[in-house]
Amino acid sequence: NSSAAFIRKMRQAGYGGQFLNFSVVGIDPLFSAL
């Protein structure tokens, strides 16, 4: 949830760089969130 919200708001703020996540993020729920 934190990761999805951060990615979304960073992009809205104009960030065009890369995001890299540790495996603990939960890849399937991250996909569901984003």
Full PDB file with SEQRES, HELIX, SHEET, SSBOND, CRYST1, ORIGX, SCALE, CONECT and MASTER records, all heavy atoms in Angstrom:
SEQRES   1 A   34  ASN SER SER ALA ALA PHE ILE ARG LYS MET ARG GLN ALA          
SEQRES   2 A   34  GLY TYR GLY GLY GLN PHE LEU ASN PHE SER VAL VAL GLY          
SEQRES   3 A   34  ILE ASP PRO LEU PHE SER ALA LEU                              
HELIX    1 AA1 SER A    2  GLN A   12  1                                  11    
HELIX    2 AA2 SER A   23  VAL A   25  5                                   3    
HELIX    3 AA3 ILE A   27  ALA A   33  1                                   7    
CRYST1    1.000    1.000    1.000  90.00  90.00  90.00 P 1           1          
ORIGX1      1.000000  0.000000  0.000000        0.00000                         
ORIGX2      0.000000  1.000000  0.000000        0.00000                         
ORIGX3      0.000000  0.000000  1.000000        0.00000                         
SCALE1      1.000000  0.000000  0.000000        0.00000                         
SCALE2      0.000000  1.000000  0.000000        0.00000                         
SCALE3      0.000000  0.000000  1.000000        0.00000                         
ATOM      1  N   ASN A   1       0.818  -1.210   0.000  1.00  0.00           N  
ATOM      2  CA  ASN A   1       0.000   0.000   0.000  1.00  0.00           C  
ATOM      3  C   ASN A   1       0.851   1.258   0.000  1.00  0.00           C  
ATOM      4  O   ASN A   1       0.605   2.203  -0.761  1.00  0.00           O  
ATOM      5  CB  ASN A   1      -0.951   0.006   1.204  1.00  0.00           C  
ATOM      6  CG  ASN A   1      -2.193  -0.832   0.970  1.00  0.00           C  
ATOM      7  OD1 ASN A   1      -2.642  -0.974  -0.168  1.00  0.00           O  
ATOM      8  ND2 ASN A   1      -2.743  -1.412   2.027  1.00  0.00           N  
ATOM      9  N   SER A   2       1.866   1.289   0.871  1.00  0.00           N  
ATOM     10  CA  SER A   2       2.772   2.441   0.910  1.00  0.00           C  
ATOM     11  C   SER A   2       3.499   2.590  -0.415  1.00  0.00           C  
ATOM     12  O   SER A   2       3.637   3.703  -0.954  1.00  0.00           O  
ATOM     13  CB  SER A   2       3.804   2.276   2.038  1.00  0.00           C  
ATOM     14  OG  SER A   2       3.192   2.228   3.296  1.00  0.00           O  
ATOM     15  N   SER A   3       3.991   1.471  -0.939  1.00  0.00           N  
ATOM     16  CA  SER A   3       4.747   1.511  -2.187  1.00  0.00           C  
ATOM     17  C   SER A   3       3.891   2.032  -3.331  1.00  0.00           C  
ATOM     18  O   SER A   3       4.335   2.872  -4.126  1.00  0.00           O  
ATOM     19  CB  SER A   3       5.264   0.107  -2.524  1.00  0.00           C  
ATOM     20  OG  SER A   3       6.160  -0.349  -1.539  1.00  0.00           O  
ATOM     21  N   ALA A   4       2.660   1.532  -3.435  1.00  0.00           N  
ATOM     22  CA  ALA A   4       1.767   1.964  -4.512  1.00  0.00           C  
ATOM     23  C   ALA A   4       1.448   3.454  -4.400  1.00  0.00           C  
ATOM     24  O   ALA A   4       1.484   4.190  -5.395  1.00  0.00           O  
ATOM     25  CB  ALA A   4       0.484   1.144  -4.493  1.00  0.00           C  
ATOM     26  N   ALA A   5       1.135   3.907  -3.199  1.00  0.00           N  
ATOM     27  CA  ALA A   5       0.805   5.319  -3.006  1.00  0.00           C  
ATOM     28  C   ALA A   5       1.997   6.209  -3.330  1.00  0.00           C  
ATOM     29  O   ALA A   5       1.854   7.264  -3.967  1.00  0.00           O  
ATOM     30  CB  ALA A   5       0.358   5.551  -1.561  1.00  0.00           C  
ATOM     31  N   PHE A   6       3.191   5.777  -2.929  1.00  0.00           N  
ATOM     32  CA  PHE A   6       4.384   6.576  -3.175  1.00  0.00           C  
ATOM     33  C   PHE A   6       4.694   6.651  -4.675  1.00  0.00           C  
ATOM     34  O   PHE A   6       4.984   7.730  -5.204  1.00  0.00           O  
ATOM     35  CB  PHE A   6       5.571   5.976  -2.422  1.00  0.00           C  
ATOM     36  CG  PHE A   6       6.853   6.717  -2.618  1.00  0.00           C  
ATOM     37  CD1 PHE A   6       7.104   7.899  -1.937  1.00  0.00           C  
ATOM     38  CD2 PHE A   6       7.819   6.248  -3.498  1.00  0.00           C  
ATOM     39  CE1 PHE A   6       8.284   8.604  -2.129  1.00  0.00           C  
ATOM     40  CE2 PHE A   6       9.001   6.935  -3.704  1.00  0.00           C  
ATOM     41  CZ  PHE A   6       9.237   8.117  -3.011  1.00  0.00           C  
ATOM     42  N   ILE A   7       4.639   5.518  -5.354  1.00  0.00           N  
ATOM     43  CA  ILE A   7       4.896   5.499  -6.800  1.00  0.00           C  
ATOM     44  C   ILE A   7       3.920   6.407  -7.530  1.00  0.00           C  
ATOM     45  O   ILE A   7       4.304   7.232  -8.375  1.00  0.00           O  
ATOM     46  CB  ILE A   7       4.814   4.057  -7.343  1.00  0.00           C  
ATOM     47  CG1 ILE A   7       5.992   3.222  -6.833  1.00  0.00           C  
ATOM     48  CG2 ILE A   7       4.782   4.053  -8.874  1.00  0.00           C  
ATOM     49  CD1 ILE A   7       5.841   1.727  -7.080  1.00  0.00           C  
ATOM     50  N   ARG A   8       2.653   6.275  -7.197  1.00  0.00           N  
ATOM     51  CA  ARG A   8       1.615   7.051  -7.887  1.00  0.00           C  
ATOM     52  C   ARG A   8       1.823   8.566  -7.671  1.00  0.00           C  
ATOM     53  O   ARG A   8       1.793   9.358  -8.622  1.00  0.00           O  
ATOM     54  CB  ARG A   8       0.245   6.609  -7.372  1.00  0.00           C  
ATOM     55  CG  ARG A   8      -0.925   7.224  -8.106  1.00  0.00           C  
ATOM     56  CD  ARG A   8      -2.228   6.613  -7.646  1.00  0.00           C  
ATOM     57  NE  ARG A   8      -2.413   5.267  -8.179  1.00  0.00           N  
ATOM     58  CZ  ARG A   8      -2.582   4.171  -7.429  1.00  0.00           C  
ATOM     59  NH1 ARG A   8      -2.588   4.264  -6.114  1.00  0.00           N  
ATOM     60  NH2 ARG A   8      -2.740   2.997  -8.013  1.00  0.00           N  
ATOM     61  N   LYS A   9       2.086   8.964  -6.429  1.00  0.00           N  
ATOM     62  CA  LYS A   9       2.210  10.396  -6.128  1.00  0.00           C  
ATOM     63  C   LYS A   9       3.530  10.981  -6.625  1.00  0.00           C  
ATOM     64  O   LYS A   9       3.598  12.160  -6.992  1.00  0.00           O  
ATOM     65  CB  LYS A   9       2.016  10.627  -4.636  1.00  0.00           C  
ATOM     66  CG  LYS A   9       0.580  10.365  -4.195  1.00  0.00           C  
ATOM     67  CD  LYS A   9       0.310  10.792  -2.766  1.00  0.00           C  
ATOM     68  CE  LYS A   9      -1.171  10.581  -2.419  1.00  0.00           C  
ATOM     69  NZ  LYS A   9      -1.512  11.048  -1.052  1.00  0.00           N  
ATOM     70  N   MET A  10       4.588  10.187  -6.640  1.00  0.00           N  
ATOM     71  CA  MET A  10       5.852  10.662  -7.209  1.00  0.00           C  
ATOM     72  C   MET A  10       5.670  10.932  -8.704  1.00  0.00           C  
ATOM     73  O   MET A  10       6.146  11.952  -9.235  1.00  0.00           O  
ATOM     74  CB  MET A  10       6.960   9.636  -6.987  1.00  0.00           C  
ATOM     75  CG  MET A  10       7.543   9.621  -5.597  1.00  0.00           C  
ATOM     76  SD  MET A  10       8.615  11.047  -5.224  1.00  0.00           S  
ATOM     77  CE  MET A  10      10.119  10.607  -6.113  1.00  0.00           C  
ATOM     78  N   ARG A  11       5.000  10.040  -9.400  1.00  0.00           N  
ATOM     79  CA  ARG A  11       4.772  10.251 -10.832  1.00  0.00           C  
ATOM     80  C   ARG A  11       3.875  11.461 -11.080  1.00  0.00           C  
ATOM     81  O   ARG A  11       4.106  12.232 -12.012  1.00  0.00           O  
ATOM     82  CB  ARG A  11       4.165   8.991 -11.447  1.00  0.00           C  
ATOM     83  CG  ARG A  11       5.196   7.863 -11.621  1.00  0.00           C  
ATOM     84  CD  ARG A  11       4.565   6.588 -12.110  1.00  0.00           C  
ATOM     85  NE  ARG A  11       5.563   5.588 -12.482  1.00  0.00           N  
ATOM     86  CZ  ARG A  11       5.303   4.308 -12.701  1.00  0.00           C  
ATOM     87  NH1 ARG A  11       4.035   3.882 -12.602  1.00  0.00           N  
ATOM     88  NH2 ARG A  11       6.259   3.467 -13.033  1.00  0.00           N  
ATOM     89  N   GLN A  12       2.878  11.634 -10.212  1.00  0.00           N  
ATOM     90  CA  GLN A  12       2.007  12.800 -10.346  1.00  0.00           C  
ATOM     91  C   GLN A  12       2.785  14.099 -10.135  1.00  0.00           C  
ATOM     92  O   GLN A  12       2.455  15.142 -10.714  1.00  0.00           O  
ATOM     93  CB  GLN A  12       0.852  12.702  -9.345  1.00  0.00           C  
ATOM     94  CG  GLN A  12      -0.169  11.624  -9.688  1.00  0.00           C  
ATOM     95  CD  GLN A  12      -1.192  11.399  -8.585  1.00  0.00           C  
ATOM     96  OE1 GLN A  12      -1.113  12.011  -7.501  1.00  0.00           O  
ATOM     97  NE2 GLN A  12      -2.174  10.546  -8.855  1.00  0.00           N  
ATOM     98  N   ALA A  13       3.833  14.015  -9.303  1.00  0.00           N  
ATOM     99  CA  ALA A  13       4.670  15.190  -9.029  1.00  0.00           C  
ATOM    100  C   ALA A  13       5.690  15.442 -10.131  1.00  0.00           C  
ATOM    101  O   ALA A  13       6.444  16.415 -10.079  1.00  0.00           O  
ATOM    102  CB  ALA A  13       5.376  15.023  -7.690  1.00  0.00           C  
ATOM    103  N   GLY A  14       5.737  14.544 -11.129  1.00  0.00           N  
ATOM    104  CA  GLY A  14       6.624  14.749 -12.258  1.00  0.00           C  
ATOM    105  C   GLY A  14       7.882  13.904 -12.265  1.00  0.00           C  
ATOM    106  O   GLY A  14       8.745  14.065 -13.137  1.00  0.00           O  
ATOM    107  N   TYR A  15       7.992  12.955 -11.335  1.00  0.00           N  
ATOM    108  CA  TYR A  15       9.199  12.121 -11.275  1.00  0.00           C  
ATOM    109  C   TYR A  15       9.200  11.109 -12.418  1.00  0.00           C  
ATOM    110  O   TYR A  15       8.205  10.404 -12.645  1.00  0.00           O  
ATOM    111  CB  TYR A  15       9.264  11.382  -9.937  1.00  0.00           C  
ATOM    112  CG  TYR A  15      10.455  10.456  -9.797  1.00  0.00           C  
ATOM    113  CD1 TYR A  15      11.739  10.975  -9.695  1.00  0.00           C  
ATOM    114  CD2 TYR A  15      10.287   9.076  -9.789  1.00  0.00           C  
ATOM    115  CE1 TYR A  15      12.832  10.129  -9.562  1.00  0.00           C  
ATOM    116  CE2 TYR A  15      11.373   8.223  -9.658  1.00  0.00           C  
ATOM    117  CZ  TYR A  15      12.642   8.757  -9.550  1.00  0.00           C  
ATOM    118  OH  TYR A  15      13.727   7.919  -9.427  1.00  0.00           O  
ATOM    119  N   GLY A  16      10.302  11.030 -13.145  1.00  0.00           N  
ATOM    120  CA  GLY A  16      10.391  10.112 -14.270  1.00  0.00           C  
ATOM    121  C   GLY A  16      11.455   9.047 -14.103  1.00  0.00           C  
ATOM    122  O   GLY A  16      11.765   8.337 -15.061  1.00  0.00           O  
ATOM    123  N   GLY A  17      12.016   8.931 -12.902  1.00  0.00           N  
ATOM    124  CA  GLY A  17      13.067   7.951 -12.658  1.00  0.00           C  
ATOM    125  C   GLY A  17      12.519   6.566 -12.354  1.00  0.00           C  
ATOM    126  O   GLY A  17      11.328   6.291 -12.491  1.00  0.00           O  
ATOM    127  N   GLN A  18      13.405   5.703 -11.887  1.00  0.00           N  
ATOM    128  CA  GLN A  18      13.065   4.296 -11.668  1.00  0.00           C  
ATOM    129  C   GLN A  18      12.694   4.026 -10.217  1.00  0.00           C  
ATOM    130  O   GLN A  18      13.208   4.656  -9.293  1.00  0.00           O  
ATOM    131  CB  GLN A  18      14.259   3.415 -12.060  1.00  0.00           C  
ATOM    132  CG  GLN A  18      13.951   1.937 -12.118  1.00  0.00           C  
ATOM    133  CD  GLN A  18      15.079   1.159 -12.778  1.00  0.00           C  
ATOM    134  OE1 GLN A  18      16.247   1.400 -12.548  1.00  0.00           O  
ATOM    135  NE2 GLN A  18      14.711   0.199 -13.629  1.00  0.00           N  
ATOM    136  N   PHE A  19      11.795   3.067 -10.028  1.00  0.00           N  
ATOM    137  CA  PHE A  19      11.447   2.568  -8.700  1.00  0.00           C  
ATOM    138  C   PHE A  19      11.898   1.116  -8.598  1.00  0.00           C  
ATOM    139  O   PHE A  19      11.636   0.314  -9.493  1.00  0.00           O  
ATOM    140  CB  PHE A  19       9.933   2.629  -8.469  1.00  0.00           C  
ATOM    141  CG  PHE A  19       9.352   4.009  -8.507  1.00  0.00           C  
ATOM    142  CD1 PHE A  19       8.745   4.490  -9.660  1.00  0.00           C  
ATOM    143  CD2 PHE A  19       9.406   4.834  -7.397  1.00  0.00           C  
ATOM    144  CE1 PHE A  19       8.211   5.759  -9.716  1.00  0.00           C  
ATOM    145  CE2 PHE A  19       8.871   6.123  -7.438  1.00  0.00           C  
ATOM    146  CZ  PHE A  19       8.272   6.587  -8.597  1.00  0.00           C  
ATOM    147  N   LEU A  20      12.572   0.785  -7.494  1.00  0.00           N  
ATOM    148  CA  LEU A  20      13.036  -0.578  -7.253  1.00  0.00           C  
ATOM    149  C   LEU A  20      12.586  -1.003  -5.864  1.00  0.00           C  
ATOM    150  O   LEU A  20      12.740  -0.252  -4.895  1.00  0.00           O  
ATOM    151  CB  LEU A  20      14.560  -0.676  -7.359  1.00  0.00           C  
ATOM    152  CG  LEU A  20      15.169  -0.168  -8.673  1.00  0.00           C  
ATOM    153  CD1 LEU A  20      15.781   1.215  -8.458  1.00  0.00           C  
ATOM    154  CD2 LEU A  20      16.229  -1.129  -9.201  1.00  0.00           C  
ATOM    155  N   ASN A  21      12.008  -2.199  -5.755  1.00  0.00           N  
ATOM    156  CA  ASN A  21      11.402  -2.659  -4.511  1.00  0.00           C  
ATOM    157  C   ASN A  21      12.050  -3.922  -3.982  1.00  0.00           C  
ATOM    158  O   ASN A  21      12.404  -4.824  -4.754  1.00  0.00           O  
ATOM    159  CB  ASN A  21       9.915  -2.965  -4.735  1.00  0.00           C  
ATOM    160  CG  ASN A  21       9.103  -1.723  -5.001  1.00  0.00           C  
ATOM    161  OD1 ASN A  21       8.449  -1.197  -4.130  1.00  0.00           O  
ATOM    162  ND2 ASN A  21       9.142  -1.244  -6.240  1.00  0.00           N  
ATOM    163  N   PHE A  22      12.177  -4.011  -2.661  1.00  0.00           N  
ATOM    164  CA  PHE A  22      12.538  -5.266  -2.014  1.00  0.00           C  
ATOM    165  C   PHE A  22      11.375  -6.254  -2.174  1.00  0.00           C  
ATOM    166  O   PHE A  22      10.216  -5.870  -2.304  1.00  0.00           O  
ATOM    167  CB  PHE A  22      12.803  -5.039  -0.527  1.00  0.00           C  
ATOM    168  CG  PHE A  22      14.168  -4.509  -0.199  1.00  0.00           C  
ATOM    169  CD1 PHE A  22      14.565  -3.251  -0.618  1.00  0.00           C  
ATOM    170  CD2 PHE A  22      15.062  -5.263   0.548  1.00  0.00           C  
ATOM    171  CE1 PHE A  22      15.819  -2.752  -0.307  1.00  0.00           C  
ATOM    172  CE2 PHE A  22      16.315  -4.779   0.872  1.00  0.00           C  
ATOM    173  CZ  PHE A  22      16.707  -3.522   0.440  1.00  0.00           C  
ATOM    174  N   SER A  23      11.684  -7.542  -2.095  1.00  0.00           N  
ATOM    175  CA  SER A  23      10.661  -8.570  -2.298  1.00  0.00           C  
ATOM    176  C   SER A  23       9.559  -8.526  -1.251  1.00  0.00           C  
ATOM    177  O   SER A  23       8.450  -8.992  -1.505  1.00  0.00           O  
ATOM    178  CB  SER A  23      11.309  -9.963  -2.293  1.00  0.00           C  
ATOM    179  OG  SER A  23      11.916 -10.240  -1.039  1.00  0.00           O  
ATOM    180  N   VAL A  24       9.851  -7.956  -0.073  1.00  0.00           N  
ATOM    181  CA  VAL A  24       8.848  -7.914   0.991  1.00  0.00           C  
ATOM    182  C   VAL A  24       7.638  -7.063   0.621  1.00  0.00           C  
ATOM    183  O   VAL A  24       6.617  -7.097   1.312  1.00  0.00           O  
ATOM    184  CB  VAL A  24       9.465  -7.392   2.312  1.00  0.00           C  
ATOM    185  CG1 VAL A  24      10.452  -8.398   2.882  1.00  0.00           C  
ATOM    186  CG2 VAL A  24      10.143  -6.033   2.098  1.00  0.00           C  
ATOM    187  N   VAL A  25       7.731  -6.309  -0.481  1.00  0.00           N  
ATOM    188  CA  VAL A  25       6.613  -5.472  -0.890  1.00  0.00           C  
ATOM    189  C   VAL A  25       5.346  -6.294  -1.112  1.00  0.00           C  
ATOM    190  O   VAL A  25       4.235  -5.836  -0.845  1.00  0.00           O  
ATOM    191  CB  VAL A  25       6.969  -4.679  -2.172  1.00  0.00           C  
ATOM    192  CG1 VAL A  25       7.163  -5.599  -3.354  1.00  0.00           C  
ATOM    193  CG2 VAL A  25       5.929  -3.625  -2.486  1.00  0.00           C  
ATOM    194  N   GLY A  26       5.495  -7.528  -1.596  1.00  0.00           N  
ATOM    195  CA  GLY A  26       4.342  -8.337  -1.978  1.00  0.00           C  
ATOM    196  C   GLY A  26       3.979  -8.022  -3.416  1.00  0.00           C  
ATOM    197  O   GLY A  26       3.196  -7.112  -3.700  1.00  0.00           O  
ATOM    198  N   ILE A  27       4.556  -8.750  -4.360  1.00  0.00           N  
ATOM    199  CA  ILE A  27       4.420  -8.416  -5.775  1.00  0.00           C  
ATOM    200  C   ILE A  27       2.972  -8.509  -6.262  1.00  0.00           C  
ATOM    201  O   ILE A  27       2.508  -7.658  -7.023  1.00  0.00           O  
ATOM    202  CB  ILE A  27       5.355  -9.321  -6.625  1.00  0.00           C  
ATOM    203  CG1 ILE A  27       5.326  -8.888  -8.095  1.00  0.00           C  
ATOM    204  CG2 ILE A  27       5.005 -10.794  -6.474  1.00  0.00           C  
ATOM    205  CD1 ILE A  27       6.387  -9.571  -8.945  1.00  0.00           C  
ATOM    206  N   ASP A  28       2.229  -9.500  -5.793  1.00  0.00           N  
ATOM    207  CA  ASP A  28       0.848  -9.644  -6.254  1.00  0.00           C  
ATOM    208  C   ASP A  28      -0.065  -8.558  -5.694  1.00  0.00           C  
ATOM    209  O   ASP A  28      -0.811  -7.926  -6.447  1.00  0.00           O  
ATOM    210  CB  ASP A  28       0.332 -11.039  -5.926  1.00  0.00           C  
ATOM    211  CG  ASP A  28       1.028 -12.102  -6.756  1.00  0.00           C  
ATOM    212  OD1 ASP A  28       0.885 -12.085  -7.988  1.00  0.00           O  
ATOM    213  OD2 ASP A  28       1.745 -12.935  -6.178  1.00  0.00           O  
ATOM    214  N   PRO A  29      -0.033  -8.290  -4.382  1.00  0.00           N  
ATOM    215  CA  PRO A  29      -0.859  -7.176  -3.897  1.00  0.00           C  
ATOM    216  C   PRO A  29      -0.415  -5.821  -4.436  1.00  0.00           C  
ATOM    217  O   PRO A  29      -1.236  -4.921  -4.581  1.00  0.00           O  
ATOM    218  CB  PRO A  29      -0.729  -7.259  -2.373  1.00  0.00           C  
ATOM    219  CG  PRO A  29       0.426  -8.146  -2.093  1.00  0.00           C  
ATOM    220  CD  PRO A  29       0.538  -9.067  -3.261  1.00  0.00           C  
ATOM    221  N   LEU A  30       0.887  -5.667  -4.767  1.00  0.00           N  
ATOM    222  CA  LEU A  30       1.331  -4.411  -5.368  1.00  0.00           C  
ATOM    223  C   LEU A  30       0.690  -4.238  -6.740  1.00  0.00           C  
ATOM    224  O   LEU A  30       0.249  -3.142  -7.101  1.00  0.00           O  
ATOM    225  CB  LEU A  30       2.855  -4.386  -5.490  1.00  0.00           C  
ATOM    226  CG  LEU A  30       3.434  -3.102  -6.112  1.00  0.00           C  
ATOM    227  CD1 LEU A  30       3.154  -1.899  -5.221  1.00  0.00           C  
ATOM    228  CD2 LEU A  30       4.936  -3.242  -6.361  1.00  0.00           C  
ATOM    229  N   PHE A  31       0.627  -5.318  -7.504  1.00  0.00           N  
ATOM    230  CA  PHE A  31      -0.034  -5.255  -8.807  1.00  0.00           C  
ATOM    231  C   PHE A  31      -1.515  -4.923  -8.639  1.00  0.00           C  
ATOM    232  O   PHE A  31      -2.076  -4.121  -9.393  1.00  0.00           O  
ATOM    233  CB  PHE A  31       0.129  -6.577  -9.554  1.00  0.00           C  
ATOM    234  CG  PHE A  31      -0.580  -6.607 -10.880  1.00  0.00           C  
ATOM    235  CD1 PHE A  31      -0.045  -5.965 -11.981  1.00  0.00           C  
ATOM    236  CD2 PHE A  31      -1.798  -7.260 -11.017  1.00  0.00           C  
ATOM    237  CE1 PHE A  31      -0.713  -5.977 -13.204  1.00  0.00           C  
ATOM    238  CE2 PHE A  31      -2.459  -7.284 -12.234  1.00  0.00           C  
ATOM    239  CZ  PHE A  31      -1.917  -6.639 -13.332  1.00  0.00           C  
ATOM    240  N   SER A  32      -2.148  -5.527  -7.639  1.00  0.00           N  
ATOM    241  CA  SER A  32      -3.565  -5.240  -7.396  1.00  0.00           C  
ATOM    242  C   SER A  32      -3.770  -3.768  -7.051  1.00  0.00           C  
ATOM    243  O   SER A  32      -4.769  -3.156  -7.452  1.00  0.00           O  
ATOM    244  CB  SER A  32      -4.096  -6.120  -6.260  1.00  0.00           C  
ATOM    245  OG  SER A  32      -4.051  -7.485  -6.615  1.00  0.00           O  
ATOM    246  N   ALA A  33      -2.818  -3.192  -6.308  1.00  0.00           N  
ATOM    247  CA  ALA A  33      -2.947  -1.800  -5.880  1.00  0.00           C  
ATOM    248  C   ALA A  33      -2.656  -0.809  -7.006  1.00  0.00           C  
ATOM    249  O   ALA A  33      -3.286   0.247  -7.091  1.00  0.00           O  
ATOM    250  CB  ALA A  33      -2.008  -1.531  -4.704  1.00  0.00           C  
ATOM    251  N   LEU A  34      -1.703  -1.149  -7.886  1.00  0.00           N  
ATOM    252  CA  LEU A  34      -1.288  -0.212  -8.929  1.00  0.00           C  
ATOM    253  C   LEU A  34      -1.959  -0.445 -10.274  1.00  0.00           C  
ATOM    254  O   LEU A  34      -2.107   0.492 -11.063  1.00  0.00           O  
ATOM    255  CB  LEU A  34       0.234  -0.292  -9.120  1.00  0.00           C  
ATOM    256  CG  LEU A  34       1.096   0.519  -8.164  1.00  0.00           C  
ATOM    257  CD1 LEU A  34       2.574   0.235  -8.432  1.00  0.00           C  
ATOM    258  CD2 LEU A  34       0.815   2.009  -8.263  1.00  0.00           C  
TER     259      LEU A  34                                                      
MASTER        0    0    0    3    0    0    0    6  258    1    0    3          
END                                                                             
